[in-house]
PDB file of N, CA and C in Angstrom:
ATOM      1  N   MET A   1      47.506  58.310 -10.230  1.00  0.00           N
ATOM      2  CA  MET A   1      48.236  57.951 -11.424  1.00  0.00           C
ATOM      3  C   MET A   1      48.338  56.436 -11.571  1.00  0.00           C
ATOM      4  N   VAL A   2      48.228  55.701 -10.489  1.00  0.00           N
ATOM      5  CA  VAL A   2      48.309  54.240 -10.575  1.00  0.00           C
ATOM      6  C   VAL A   2      47.186  53.702 -11.452  1.00  0.00           C
ATOM      7  N   TRP A   3      45.973  54.241 -11.278  1.00  0.00           N
ATOM      8  CA  TRP A   3      44.835  53.792 -12.090  1.00  0.00           C
ATOM      9  C   TRP A   3      45.137  54.007 -13.558  1.00  0.00           C
ATOM     10  N   HIS A   4      45.653  55.178 -13.890  1.00  0.00           N
ATOM     11  CA  HIS A   4      45.956  55.494 -15.284  1.00  0.00           C
ATOM     12  C   HIS A   4      47.029  54.558 -15.837  1.00  0.00           C
ATOM     13  N   ALA A   5      48.025  54.252 -15.029  1.00  0.00           N
ATOM     14  CA  ALA A   5      49.114  53.376 -15.477  1.00  0.00           C
ATOM     15  C   ALA A   5      48.634  51.951 -15.707  1.00  0.00           C
ATOM     16  N   ASN A   6      47.601  51.533 -14.997  1.00  0.00           N
ATOM     17  CA  ASN A   6      47.124  50.151 -15.088  1.00  0.00           C
ATOM     18  C   ASN A   6      46.035  49.932 -16.133  1.00  0.00           C
ATOM     19  N   THR A   7      45.519  50.978 -16.733  1.00  0.00           N
ATOM     20  CA  THR A   7      44.491  50.807 -17.751  1.00  0.00           C
ATOM     21  C   THR A   7      45.141  50.593 -19.116  1.00  0.00           C
ATOM     22  N   THR A   8      44.446  49.905 -19.993  1.00  0.00           N
ATOM     23  CA  THR A   8      44.989  49.643 -21.327  1.00  0.00           C
ATOM     24  C   THR A   8      44.529  50.684 -22.342  1.00  0.00           C
ATOM     25  N   ALA A   9      43.686  51.612 -21.938  1.00  0.00           N
ATOM     26  CA  ALA A   9      43.185  52.638 -22.854  1.00  0.00           C
ATOM     27  C   ALA A   9      44.294  53.616 -23.230  1.00  0.00           C
ATOM     28  N   MET A  10      44.195  54.151 -24.439  1.00  0.00           N
ATOM     29  CA  MET A  10      45.169  55.133 -24.902  1.00  0.00           C
ATOM     30  C   MET A  10      44.920  56.520 -24.306  1.00  0.00           C
ATOM     31  N   LEU A  11      43.691  56.756 -23.850  1.00  0.00           N
ATOM     32  CA  LEU A  11      43.324  58.062 -23.325  1.00  0.00           C
ATOM     33  C   LEU A  11      42.454  57.882 -22.094  1.00  0.00           C
ATOM     34  N   ASN A  12      42.850  58.524 -21.009  1.00  0.00           N
ATOM     35  CA  ASN A  12      42.079  58.471 -19.774  1.00  0.00           C
ATOM     36  C   ASN A  12      41.650  59.883 -19.403  1.00  0.00           C
ATOM     37  N   ASN A  13      40.388  60.003 -19.043  1.00  0.00           N
ATOM     38  CA  ASN A  13      39.801  61.278 -18.669  1.00  0.00           C
ATOM     39  C   ASN A  13      39.607  61.296 -17.160  1.00  0.00           C
ATOM     40  N   HIS A  14      39.648  62.473 -16.583  1.00  0.00           N
ATOM     41  CA  HIS A  14      39.431  62.649 -15.149  1.00  0.00           C
ATOM     42  C   HIS A  14      37.989  63.099 -14.964  1.00  0.00           C
ATOM     43  N   GLY A  15      37.128  62.171 -14.570  1.00  0.00           N
ATOM     44  CA  GLY A  15      35.721  62.494 -14.361  1.00  0.00           C
ATOM     45  C   GLY A  15      35.477  62.905 -12.925  1.00  0.00           C
ATOM     46  N   VAL A  16      34.678  63.919 -12.743  1.00  0.00           N
ATOM     47  CA  VAL A  16      34.340  64.386 -11.395  1.00  0.00           C
ATOM     48  C   VAL A  16      32.832  64.452 -11.266  1.00  0.00           C
ATOM     49  N   ASN A  17      32.369  64.236 -10.049  1.00  0.00           N
ATOM     50  CA  ASN A  17      30.939  64.313  -9.791  1.00  0.00           C
ATOM     51  C   ASN A  17      30.558  65.777  -9.686  1.00  0.00           C
ATOM     52  N   ARG A  18      29.634  66.205 -10.531  1.00  0.00           N
ATOM     53  CA  ARG A  18      29.285  67.629 -10.542  1.00  0.00           C
ATOM     54  C   ARG A  18      28.691  68.080  -9.221  1.00  0.00           C
ATOM     55  N   ARG A  19      28.193  67.192  -8.430  1.00  0.00           N
ATOM     56  CA  ARG A  19      27.623  67.578  -7.135  1.00  0.00           C
ATOM     57  C   ARG A  19      28.701  67.916  -6.118  1.00  0.00           C
ATOM     58  N   SER A  20      29.961  67.553  -6.424  1.00  0.00           N
ATOM     59  CA  SER A  20      31.025  67.851  -5.475  1.00  0.00           C
ATOM     60  C   SER A  20      31.516  69.284  -5.605  1.00  0.00           C
ATOM     61  N   ALA A  21      31.113  69.972  -6.654  1.00  0.00           N
ATOM     62  CA  ALA A  21      31.536  71.365  -6.833  1.00  0.00           C
ATOM     63  C   ALA A  21      30.861  72.231  -5.776  1.00  0.00           C
ATOM     64  N   ALA A  22      31.650  73.012  -5.057  1.00  0.00           N
ATOM     65  CA  ALA A  22      31.125  73.819  -3.952  1.00  0.00           C
ATOM     66  C   ALA A  22      30.091  74.833  -4.433  1.00  0.00           C
ATOM     67  N   THR A  23      30.209  75.303  -5.660  1.00  0.00           N
ATOM     68  CA  THR A  23      29.285  76.322  -6.162  1.00  0.00           C
ATOM     69  C   THR A  23      28.019  75.707  -6.734  1.00  0.00           C
ATOM     70  N   GLY A  24      28.018  74.411  -6.979  1.00  0.00           N
ATOM     71  CA  GLY A  24      26.876  73.780  -7.599  1.00  0.00           C
ATOM     72  C   GLY A  24      26.826  73.997  -9.101  1.00  0.00           C
ATOM     73  N   TRP A  25      27.824  74.688  -9.666  1.00  0.00           N
ATOM     74  CA  TRP A  25      27.869  74.953 -11.097  1.00  0.00           C
ATOM     75  C   TRP A  25      28.175  73.679 -11.842  1.00  0.00           C
ATOM     76  N   CYS A  26      27.610  73.526 -13.012  1.00  0.00           N
ATOM     77  CA  CYS A  26      27.830  72.313 -13.797  1.00  0.00           C
ATOM     78  C   CYS A  26      28.154  72.664 -15.226  1.00  0.00           C
ATOM     79  N   SER A  27      29.212  72.075 -15.741  1.00  0.00           N
ATOM     80  CA  SER A  27      29.590  72.251 -17.138  1.00  0.00           C
ATOM     81  C   SER A  27      28.682  71.406 -18.017  1.00  0.00           C
ATOM     82  N   ASP A  28      28.579  71.775 -19.278  1.00  0.00           N
ATOM     83  CA  ASP A  28      27.835  70.957 -20.227  1.00  0.00           C
ATOM     84  C   ASP A  28      28.695  69.843 -20.801  1.00  0.00           C
ATOM     85  N   THR A  29      29.984  69.811 -20.459  1.00  0.00           N
ATOM     86  CA  THR A  29      30.874  68.760 -20.942  1.00  0.00           C
ATOM     87  C   THR A  29      30.693  67.557 -20.033  1.00  0.00           C
ATOM     88  N   ARG A  30      30.064  66.530 -20.542  1.00  0.00           N
ATOM     89  CA  ARG A  30      29.740  65.373 -19.712  1.00  0.00           C
ATOM     90  C   ARG A  30      30.598  64.178 -20.079  1.00  0.00           C
ATOM     91  N   ILE A  31      30.657  63.228 -19.193  1.00  0.00           N
ATOM     92  CA  ILE A  31      31.396  61.994 -19.420  1.00  0.00           C
ATOM     93  C   ILE A  31      30.470  60.998 -20.112  1.00  0.00           C
ATOM     94  N   TRP A  32      30.988  60.339 -21.132  1.00  0.00           N
ATOM     95  CA  TRP A  32      30.220  59.367 -21.886  1.00  0.00           C
ATOM     96  C   TRP A  32      30.928  58.028 -21.832  1.00  0.00           C
ATOM     97  N   GLN A  33      30.168  56.964 -21.937  1.00  0.00           N
ATOM     98  CA  GLN A  33      30.750  55.631 -22.030  1.00  0.00           C
ATOM     99  C   GLN A  33      30.020  54.873 -23.127  1.00  0.00           C
ATOM    100  N   GLN A  34      30.669  53.831 -23.592  1.00  0.00           N
ATOM    101  CA  GLN A  34      30.012  53.028 -24.613  1.00  0.00           C
ATOM    102  C   GLN A  34      28.878  52.234 -23.986  1.00  0.00           C
ATOM    103  N   SER A  35      27.795  52.128 -24.723  1.00  0.00           N
ATOM    104  CA  SER A  35      26.657  51.344 -24.276  1.00  0.00           C
ATOM    105  C   SER A  35      27.015  49.862 -24.363  1.00  0.00           C
ATOM    106  N   PRO A  36      26.813  49.096 -23.287  1.00  0.00           N
ATOM    107  CA  PRO A  36      27.124  47.665 -23.350  1.00  0.00           C
ATOM    108  C   PRO A  36      26.274  46.919 -24.381  1.00  0.00           C
ATOM    109  N   GLN A  37      25.039  47.406 -24.622  1.00  0.00           N
ATOM    110  CA  GLN A  37      24.149  46.761 -25.578  1.00  0.00           C
ATOM    111  C   GLN A  37      24.561  47.046 -27.020  1.00  0.00           C
ATOM    112  N   ASN A  38      25.091  48.226 -27.259  1.00  0.00           N
ATOM    113  CA  ASN A  38      25.472  48.622 -28.616  1.00  0.00           C
ATOM    114  C   ASN A  38      26.772  49.422 -28.542  1.00  0.00           C
ATOM    115  N   PRO A  39      27.929  48.779 -28.796  1.00  0.00           N
ATOM    116  CA  PRO A  39      29.214  49.463 -28.652  1.00  0.00           C
ATOM    117  C   PRO A  39      29.368  50.709 -29.514  1.00  0.00           C
ATOM    118  N   ARG A  40      28.558  50.865 -30.566  1.00  0.00           N
ATOM    119  CA  ARG A  40      28.667  52.055 -31.411  1.00  0.00           C
ATOM    120  C   ARG A  40      27.856  53.222 -30.847  1.00  0.00           C
ATOM    121  N   ARG A  41      27.047  52.959 -29.840  1.00  0.00           N
ATOM    122  CA  ARG A  41      26.245  54.013 -29.222  1.00  0.00           C
ATOM    123  C   ARG A  41      26.839  54.366 -27.866  1.00  0.00           C
ATOM    124  N   GLN A  42      26.860  55.634 -27.556  1.00  0.00           N
ATOM    125  CA  GLN A  42      27.382  56.063 -26.271  1.00  0.00           C
ATOM    126  C   GLN A  42      26.231  56.470 -25.362  1.00  0.00           C
ATOM    127  N   GLN A  43      26.454  56.336 -24.065  1.00  0.00           N
ATOM    128  CA  GLN A  43      25.441  56.766 -23.116  1.00  0.00           C
ATOM    129  C   GLN A  43      26.091  57.657 -22.064  1.00  0.00           C
ATOM    130  N   HIS A  44      25.311  58.552 -21.549  1.00  0.00           N
ATOM    131  CA  HIS A  44      25.783  59.515 -20.565  1.00  0.00           C
ATOM    132  C   HIS A  44      25.896  58.844 -19.193  1.00  0.00           C
ATOM    133  N   ILE A  45      26.993  59.078 -18.502  1.00  0.00           N
ATOM    134  CA  ILE A  45      27.123  58.615 -17.122  1.00  0.00           C
ATOM    135  C   ILE A  45      26.556  59.729 -16.246  1.00  0.00           C
ATOM    136  N   LEU A  46      25.443  59.483 -15.614  1.00  0.00           N
ATOM    137  CA  LEU A  46      24.738  60.512 -14.863  1.00  0.00           C
ATOM    138  C   LEU A  46      25.601  61.123 -13.772  1.00  0.00           C
ATOM    139  N   ASP A  47      25.496  62.425 -13.644  1.00  0.00           N
ATOM    140  CA  ASP A  47      26.127  63.216 -12.593  1.00  0.00           C
ATOM    141  C   ASP A  47      27.643  63.331 -12.690  1.00  0.00           C
ATOM    142  N   TRP A  48      28.248  62.846 -13.744  1.00  0.00           N
ATOM    143  CA  TRP A  48      29.698  62.963 -13.900  1.00  0.00           C
ATOM    144  C   TRP A  48      30.011  63.895 -15.062  1.00  0.00           C
ATOM    145  N   ILE A  49      30.977  64.779 -14.857  1.00  0.00           N
ATOM    146  CA  ILE A  49      31.389  65.715 -15.894  1.00  0.00           C
ATOM    147  C   ILE A  49      32.897  65.601 -16.106  1.00  0.00           C
ATOM    148  N   ASN A  50      33.345  66.176 -17.183  1.00  0.00           N
ATOM    149  CA  ASN A  50      34.760  66.190 -17.511  1.00  0.00           C
ATOM    150  C   ASN A  50      35.478  67.130 -16.547  1.00  0.00           C
ATOM    151  N   GLY A  51      36.420  66.599 -15.778  1.00  0.00           N
ATOM    152  CA  GLY A  51      37.184  67.415 -14.840  1.00  0.00           C
ATOM    153  C   GLY A  51      38.284  68.221 -15.513  1.00  0.00           C
ATOM    154  N   GLY A  52      38.478  68.002 -16.802  1.00  0.00           N
ATOM    155  CA  GLY A  52      39.415  68.817 -17.548  1.00  0.00           C
ATOM    156  C   GLY A  52      40.815  68.268 -17.661  1.00  0.00           C
ATOM    157  N   PHE A  53      41.066  67.068 -17.162  1.00  0.00           N
ATOM    158  CA  PHE A  53      42.402  66.494 -17.227  1.00  0.00           C
ATOM    159  C   PHE A  53      42.382  65.204 -18.041  1.00  0.00           C
ATOM    160  N   PHE A  54      43.373  65.033 -18.877  1.00  0.00           N
ATOM    161  CA  PHE A  54      43.534  63.820 -19.672  1.00  0.00           C
ATOM    162  C   PHE A  54      44.929  63.264 -19.453  1.00  0.00           C
ATOM    163  N   VAL A  55      45.027  61.950 -19.435  1.00  0.00           N
ATOM    164  CA  VAL A  55      46.323  61.259 -19.446  1.00  0.00           C
ATOM    165  C   VAL A  55      46.360  60.508 -20.766  1.00  0.00           C
ATOM    166  N   LEU A  56      47.354  60.831 -21.603  1.00  0.00           N
ATOM    167  CA  LEU A  56      47.423  60.293 -22.957  1.00  0.00           C
ATOM    168  C   LEU A  56      48.604  59.356 -23.138  1.00  0.00           C
ATOM    169  N   ASP A  57      48.374  58.288 -23.855  1.00  0.00           N
ATOM    170  CA  ASP A  57      49.453  57.459 -24.369  1.00  0.00           C
ATOM    171  C   ASP A  57      50.087  58.271 -25.496  1.00  0.00           C
ATOM    172  N   PRO A  58      51.403  58.257 -25.651  1.00  0.00           N
ATOM    173  CA  PRO A  58      52.024  59.033 -26.729  1.00  0.00           C
ATOM    174  C   PRO A  58      51.459  58.732 -28.114  1.00  0.00           C
ATOM    175  N   GLN A  59      50.915  57.530 -28.320  1.00  0.00           N
ATOM    176  CA  GLN A  59      50.337  57.164 -29.621  1.00  0.00           C
ATOM    177  C   GLN A  59      49.126  58.022 -29.979  1.00  0.00           C
ATOM    178  N   VAL A  60      48.498  58.626 -28.985  1.00  0.00           N
ATOM    179  CA  VAL A  60      47.325  59.470 -29.234  1.00  0.00           C
ATOM    180  C   VAL A  60      47.698  60.647 -30.135  1.00  0.00           C
ATOM    181  N   LEU A  61      48.912  61.125 -30.022  1.00  0.00           N
ATOM    182  CA  LEU A  61      49.337  62.260 -30.845  1.00  0.00           C
ATOM    183  C   LEU A  61      49.273  61.933 -32.330  1.00  0.00           C
ATOM    184  N   ASN A  62      49.429  60.658 -32.688  1.00  0.00           N
ATOM    185  CA  ASN A  62      49.331  60.247 -34.091  1.00  0.00           C
ATOM    186  C   ASN A  62      47.902  60.319 -34.619  1.00  0.00           C
ATOM    187  N   LYS A  63      46.933  60.451 -33.736  1.00  0.00           N
ATOM    188  CA  LYS A  63      45.526  60.515 -34.137  1.00  0.00           C
ATOM    189  C   LYS A  63      45.058  61.951 -34.347  1.00  0.00           C
ATOM    190  N   ILE A  64      45.966  62.900 -34.213  1.00  0.00           N
ATOM    191  CA  ILE A  64      45.649  64.308 -34.437  1.00  0.00           C
ATOM    192  C   ILE A  64      46.299  64.709 -35.758  1.00  0.00           C
ATOM    193  N   PRO A  65      45.503  64.782 -36.834  1.00  0.00           N
ATOM    194  CA  PRO A  65      46.083  64.984 -38.160  1.00  0.00           C
ATOM    195  C   PRO A  65      46.800  66.321 -38.371  1.00  0.00           C
ATOM    196  N   SER A  66      46.324  67.397 -37.725  1.00  0.00           N
ATOM    197  CA  SER A  66      46.953  68.702 -37.959  1.00  0.00           C
ATOM    198  C   SER A  66      46.705  69.622 -36.768  1.00  0.00           C
ATOM    199  N   ASP A  67      47.398  70.758 -36.784  1.00  0.00           N
ATOM    200  CA  ASP A  67      47.229  71.744 -35.715  1.00  0.00           C
ATOM    201  C   ASP A  67      45.821  72.347 -35.705  1.00  0.00           C
ATOM    202  N   SER A  68      45.123  72.264 -36.814  1.00  0.00           N
ATOM    203  CA  SER A  68      43.773  72.833 -36.875  1.00  0.00           C
ATOM    204  C   SER A  68      42.688  71.835 -36.460  1.00  0.00           C
ATOM    205  N   THR A  69      43.084  70.603 -36.143  1.00  0.00           N
ATOM    206  CA  THR A  69      42.125  69.584 -35.717  1.00  0.00           C
ATOM    207  C   THR A  69      41.549  69.948 -34.354  1.00  0.00           C
ATOM    208  N   LEU A  70      40.230  69.872 -34.230  1.00  0.00           N
ATOM    209  CA  LEU A  70      39.585  70.124 -32.942  1.00  0.00           C
ATOM    210  C   LEU A  70      39.627  68.843 -32.109  1.00  0.00           C
ATOM    211  N   TRP A  71      40.282  68.905 -30.967  1.00  0.00           N
ATOM    212  CA  TRP A  71      40.471  67.756 -30.085  1.00  0.00           C
ATOM    213  C   TRP A  71      39.154  67.092 -29.732  1.00  0.00           C
ATOM    214  N   GLU A  72      38.129  67.894 -29.438  1.00  0.00           N
ATOM    215  CA  GLU A  72      36.845  67.367 -28.985  1.00  0.00           C
ATOM    216  C   GLU A  72      36.066  66.670 -30.090  1.00  0.00           C
ATOM    217  N   GLN A  73      36.485  66.829 -31.319  1.00  0.00           N
ATOM    218  CA  GLN A  73      35.738  66.213 -32.402  1.00  0.00           C
ATOM    219  C   GLN A  73      36.416  64.926 -32.854  1.00  0.00           C
ATOM    220  N   GLU A  74      37.044  64.925 -33.983  1.00  0.00           N
ATOM    221  CA  GLU A  74      37.560  63.691 -34.579  1.00  0.00           C
ATOM    222  C   GLU A  74      38.446  62.841 -33.648  1.00  0.00           C
ATOM    223  N   PRO A  75      39.513  63.380 -33.054  1.00  0.00           N
ATOM    224  CA  PRO A  75      40.376  62.513 -32.241  1.00  0.00           C
ATOM    225  C   PRO A  75      39.643  61.882 -31.048  1.00  0.00           C
ATOM    226  N   LEU A  76      38.934  62.689 -30.297  1.00  0.00           N
ATOM    227  CA  LEU A  76      38.247  62.185 -29.104  1.00  0.00           C
ATOM    228  C   LEU A  76      37.138  61.211 -29.475  1.00  0.00           C
ATOM    229  N   GLN A  77      36.371  61.542 -30.507  1.00  0.00           N
ATOM    230  CA  GLN A  77      35.287  60.654 -30.936  1.00  0.00           C
ATOM    231  C   GLN A  77      35.834  59.333 -31.467  1.00  0.00           C
ATOM    232  N   ASN A  78      36.914  59.395 -32.242  1.00  0.00           N
ATOM    233  CA  ASN A  78      37.510  58.157 -32.764  1.00  0.00           C
ATOM    234  C   ASN A  78      38.048  57.270 -31.651  1.00  0.00           C
ATOM    235  N   LEU A  79      38.705  57.865 -30.678  1.00  0.00           N
ATOM    236  CA  LEU A  79      39.214  57.080 -29.548  1.00  0.00           C
ATOM    237  C   LEU A  79      38.075  56.425 -28.776  1.00  0.00           C
ATOM    238  N   SER A  80      36.989  57.148 -28.616  1.00  0.00           N
ATOM    239  CA  SER A  80      35.822  56.580 -27.945  1.00  0.00           C
ATOM    240  C   SER A  80      35.237  55.423 -28.756  1.00  0.00           C
ATOM    241  N   ASN A  81      35.103  55.616 -30.065  1.00  0.00           N
ATOM    242  CA  ASN A  81      34.569  54.558 -30.926  1.00  0.00           C
ATOM    243  C   ASN A  81      35.451  53.316 -30.925  1.00  0.00           C
ATOM    244  N   GLU A  82      36.753  53.502 -30.714  1.00  0.00           N
ATOM    245  CA  GLU A  82      37.707  52.387 -30.665  1.00  0.00           C
ATOM    246  C   GLU A  82      37.858  51.809 -29.256  1.00  0.00           C
ATOM    247  N   SER A  83      37.009  52.236 -28.327  1.00  0.00           N
ATOM    248  CA  SER A  83      37.072  51.811 -26.915  1.00  0.00           C
ATOM    249  C   SER A  83      38.419  52.140 -26.290  1.00  0.00           C
ATOM    250  N   GLN A  84      39.014  53.245 -26.690  1.00  0.00           N
ATOM    251  CA  GLN A  84      40.304  53.670 -26.157  1.00  0.00           C
ATOM    252  C   GLN A  84      40.187  54.878 -25.234  1.00  0.00           C
ATOM    253  N   LEU A  85      38.978  55.216 -24.839  1.00  0.00           N
ATOM    254  CA  LEU A  85      38.735  56.325 -23.925  1.00  0.00           C
ATOM    255  C   LEU A  85      38.106  55.776 -22.659  1.00  0.00           C
ATOM    256  N   LYS A  86      38.766  55.981 -21.542  1.00  0.00           N
ATOM    257  CA  LYS A  86      38.258  55.535 -20.248  1.00  0.00           C
ATOM    258  C   LYS A  86      38.213  56.732 -19.307  1.00  0.00           C
ATOM    259  N   ALA A  87      37.354  56.664 -18.309  1.00  0.00           N
ATOM    260  CA  ALA A  87      37.240  57.755 -17.338  1.00  0.00           C
ATOM    261  C   ALA A  87      37.558  57.255 -15.944  1.00  0.00           C
ATOM    262  N   TYR A  88      38.478  57.926 -15.297  1.00  0.00           N
ATOM    263  CA  TYR A  88      38.719  57.699 -13.869  1.00  0.00           C
ATOM    264  C   TYR A  88      37.711  58.565 -13.134  1.00  0.00           C
ATOM    265  N   LEU A  89      36.848  57.963 -12.352  1.00  0.00           N
ATOM    266  CA  LEU A  89      35.800  58.698 -11.657  1.00  0.00           C
ATOM    267  C   LEU A  89      36.300  59.098 -10.269  1.00  0.00           C
ATOM    268  N   HIS A  90      36.727  60.339 -10.166  1.00  0.00           N
ATOM    269  CA  HIS A  90      37.268  60.900  -8.922  1.00  0.00           C
ATOM    270  C   HIS A  90      36.113  61.183  -7.970  1.00  0.00           C
ATOM    271  N   THR A  91      36.159  60.620  -6.772  1.00  0.00           N
ATOM    272  CA  THR A  91      35.049  60.791  -5.829  1.00  0.00           C
ATOM    273  C   THR A  91      35.374  61.769  -4.704  1.00  0.00           C
ATOM    274  N   GLY A  92      36.575  62.313  -4.702  1.00  0.00           N
ATOM    275  CA  GLY A  92      36.950  63.266  -3.658  1.00  0.00           C
ATOM    276  C   GLY A  92      36.540  64.689  -3.995  1.00  0.00           C
ATOM    277  N   PHE A  93      37.069  65.622  -3.228  1.00  0.00           N
ATOM    278  CA  PHE A  93      36.767  67.040  -3.425  1.00  0.00           C
ATOM    279  C   PHE A  93      37.210  67.487  -4.812  1.00  0.00           C
ATOM    280  N   TRP A  94      36.378  68.270  -5.451  1.00  0.00           N
ATOM    281  CA  TRP A  94      36.723  68.899  -6.723  1.00  0.00           C
ATOM    282  C   TRP A  94      35.958  70.194  -6.838  1.00  0.00           C
ATOM    283  N   GLN A  95      36.637  71.207  -7.277  1.00  0.00           N
ATOM    284  CA  GLN A  95      36.029  72.516  -7.471  1.00  0.00           C
ATOM    285  C   GLN A  95      36.702  73.175  -8.669  1.00  0.00           C
ATOM    286  N   PRO A  96      35.936  73.628  -9.658  1.00  0.00           N
ATOM    287  CA  PRO A  96      36.568  74.333 -10.770  1.00  0.00           C
ATOM    288  C   PRO A  96      37.132  75.672 -10.309  1.00  0.00           C
ATOM    289  N   MET A  97      38.099  76.183 -11.051  1.00  0.00           N
ATOM    290  CA  MET A  97      38.622  77.522 -10.784  1.00  0.00           C
ATOM    291  C   MET A  97      38.758  78.246 -12.119  1.00  0.00           C
ATOM    292  N   ASP A  98      37.611  78.418 -12.769  1.00  0.00           N
ATOM    293  CA  ASP A  98      37.571  79.047 -14.079  1.00  0.00           C
ATOM    294  C   ASP A  98      37.205  80.522 -14.014  1.00  0.00           C
ATOM    295  N   THR A  99      36.676  80.968 -12.898  1.00  0.00           N
ATOM    296  CA  THR A  99      36.236  82.357 -12.773  1.00  0.00           C
ATOM    297  C   THR A  99      36.835  82.967 -11.515  1.00  0.00           C
ATOM    298  N   LEU A 100      36.800  84.279 -11.427  1.00  0.00           N
ATOM    299  CA  LEU A 100      37.291  84.961 -10.234  1.00  0.00           C
ATOM    300  C   LEU A 100      36.476  84.550  -9.011  1.00  0.00           C
ATOM    301  N   ARG A 101      35.185  84.375  -9.184  1.00  0.00           N
ATOM    302  CA  ARG A 101      34.330  83.952  -8.055  1.00  0.00           C
ATOM    303  C   ARG A 101      34.775  82.594  -7.513  1.00  0.00           C
ATOM    304  N   GLU A 102      35.066  81.660  -8.425  1.00  0.00           N
ATOM    305  CA  GLU A 102      35.503  80.331  -7.986  1.00  0.00           C
ATOM    306  C   GLU A 102      36.864  80.401  -7.305  1.00  0.00           C
ATOM    307  N   LYS A 103      37.759  81.242  -7.808  1.00  0.00           N
ATOM    308  CA  LYS A 103      39.055  81.437  -7.158  1.00  0.00           C
ATOM    309  C   LYS A 103      38.856  81.985  -5.748  1.00  0.00           C
ATOM    310  N   ASN A 104      37.975  82.987  -5.626  1.00  0.00           N
ATOM    311  CA  ASN A 104      37.713  83.583  -4.309  1.00  0.00           C
ATOM    312  C   ASN A 104      37.092  82.567  -3.356  1.00  0.00           C
ATOM    313  N   ASP A 105      36.200  81.718  -3.873  1.00  0.00           N
ATOM    314  CA  ASP A 105      35.606  80.663  -3.043  1.00  0.00           C
ATOM    315  C   ASP A 105      36.685  79.726  -2.507  1.00  0.00           C
ATOM    316  N   LEU A 106      37.617  79.328  -3.384  1.00  0.00           N
ATOM    317  CA  LEU A 106      38.704  78.441  -2.962  1.00  0.00           C
ATOM    318  C   LEU A 106      39.635  79.146  -1.980  1.00  0.00           C
ATOM    319  N   ASP A 107      39.921  80.429  -2.203  1.00  0.00           N
ATOM    320  CA  ASP A 107      40.746  81.196  -1.264  1.00  0.00           C
ATOM    321  C   ASP A 107      40.095  81.239   0.116  1.00  0.00           C
ATOM    322  N   GLU A 108      38.786  81.386   0.147  1.00  0.00           N
ATOM    323  CA  GLU A 108      38.072  81.444   1.427  1.00  0.00           C
ATOM    324  C   GLU A 108      38.137  80.097   2.153  1.00  0.00           C
ATOM    325  N   ILE A 109      37.986  79.018   1.416  1.00  0.00           N
ATOM    326  CA  ILE A 109      38.116  77.683   2.017  1.00  0.00           C
ATOM    327  C   ILE A 109      39.513  77.527   2.618  1.00  0.00           C
ATOM    328  N   TRP A 110      40.536  78.007   1.890  1.00  0.00           N
ATOM    329  CA  TRP A 110      41.921  77.935   2.370  1.00  0.00           C
ATOM    330  C   TRP A 110      42.105  78.772   3.637  1.00  0.00           C
ATOM    331  N   ARG A 111      41.630  80.020   3.619  1.00  0.00           N
ATOM    332  CA  ARG A 111      41.782  80.915   4.783  1.00  0.00           C
ATOM    333  C   ARG A 111      41.055  80.371   6.017  1.00  0.00           C
ATOM    334  N   ALA A 112      39.945  79.679   5.790  1.00  0.00           N
ATOM    335  CA  ALA A 112      39.174  79.122   6.905  1.00  0.00           C
ATOM    336  C   ALA A 112      39.816  77.850   7.467  1.00  0.00           C
ATOM    337  N   GLY A 113      40.896  77.389   6.828  1.00  0.00           N
ATOM    338  CA  GLY A 113      41.570  76.173   7.297  1.00  0.00           C
ATOM    339  C   GLY A 113      40.801  74.907   6.984  1.00  0.00           C
ATOM    340  N   LYS A 114      39.940  74.957   5.969  1.00  0.00           N
ATOM    341  CA  LYS A 114      39.102  73.792   5.624  1.00  0.00           C
ATOM    342  C   LYS A 114      39.398  73.240   4.236  1.00  0.00           C
ATOM    343  N   ALA A 115      40.622  73.433   3.771  1.00  0.00           N
ATOM    344  CA  ALA A 115      40.990  72.993   2.432  1.00  0.00           C
ATOM    345  C   ALA A 115      41.224  71.482   2.409  1.00  0.00           C
ATOM    346  N   PRO A 116      40.312  70.710   1.799  1.00  0.00           N
ATOM    347  CA  PRO A 116      40.480  69.257   1.799  1.00  0.00           C
ATOM    348  C   PRO A 116      41.660  68.790   0.961  1.00  0.00           C
ATOM    349  N   TRP A 117      42.207  69.644   0.108  1.00  0.00           N
ATOM    350  CA  TRP A 117      43.344  69.263  -0.713  1.00  0.00           C
ATOM    351  C   TRP A 117      44.675  69.427   0.029  1.00  0.00           C
ATOM    352  N   LYS A 118      44.664  70.090   1.178  1.00  0.00           N
ATOM    353  CA  LYS A 118      45.910  70.314   1.939  1.00  0.00           C
ATOM    354  C   LYS A 118      46.271  69.036   2.677  1.00  0.00           C
ATOM    355  N   MET A 119      47.430  68.500   2.348  1.00  0.00           N
ATOM    356  CA  MET A 119      47.853  67.225   2.927  1.00  0.00           C
ATOM    357  C   MET A 119      49.050  67.377   3.878  1.00  0.00           C
ATOM    358  N   TRP A 120      49.467  68.586   4.188  1.00  0.00           N
ATOM    359  CA  TRP A 120      50.623  68.786   5.062  1.00  0.00           C
ATOM    360  C   TRP A 120      50.226  69.542   6.302  1.00  0.00           C
TER     361      TRP A 120
END
């Protein structure tokens, strides 16, 4: 959270390296950054995907015009175009838990006593 508190961006994304997923599964939701050569063009950051977590400045809510607005379209794209979207690139363990198989994989890691997220 310190990284998020110290950035000036209105929206911070949690980027994870897709190779860190124990199953090797990769989402099509990728992390993008502005191209240094052309700020209006975005480029893909190789091997990094959206970890699914955002830290928002309260002002971001003003950029969502209605309940029917799709977050991934206008608000997210506008914030990116305004250089208000930054990604924290998490380099530690990450594993999605979107399916029963992934839950079972994580349960097995826990039962084996090899859970890297256990800090106690």
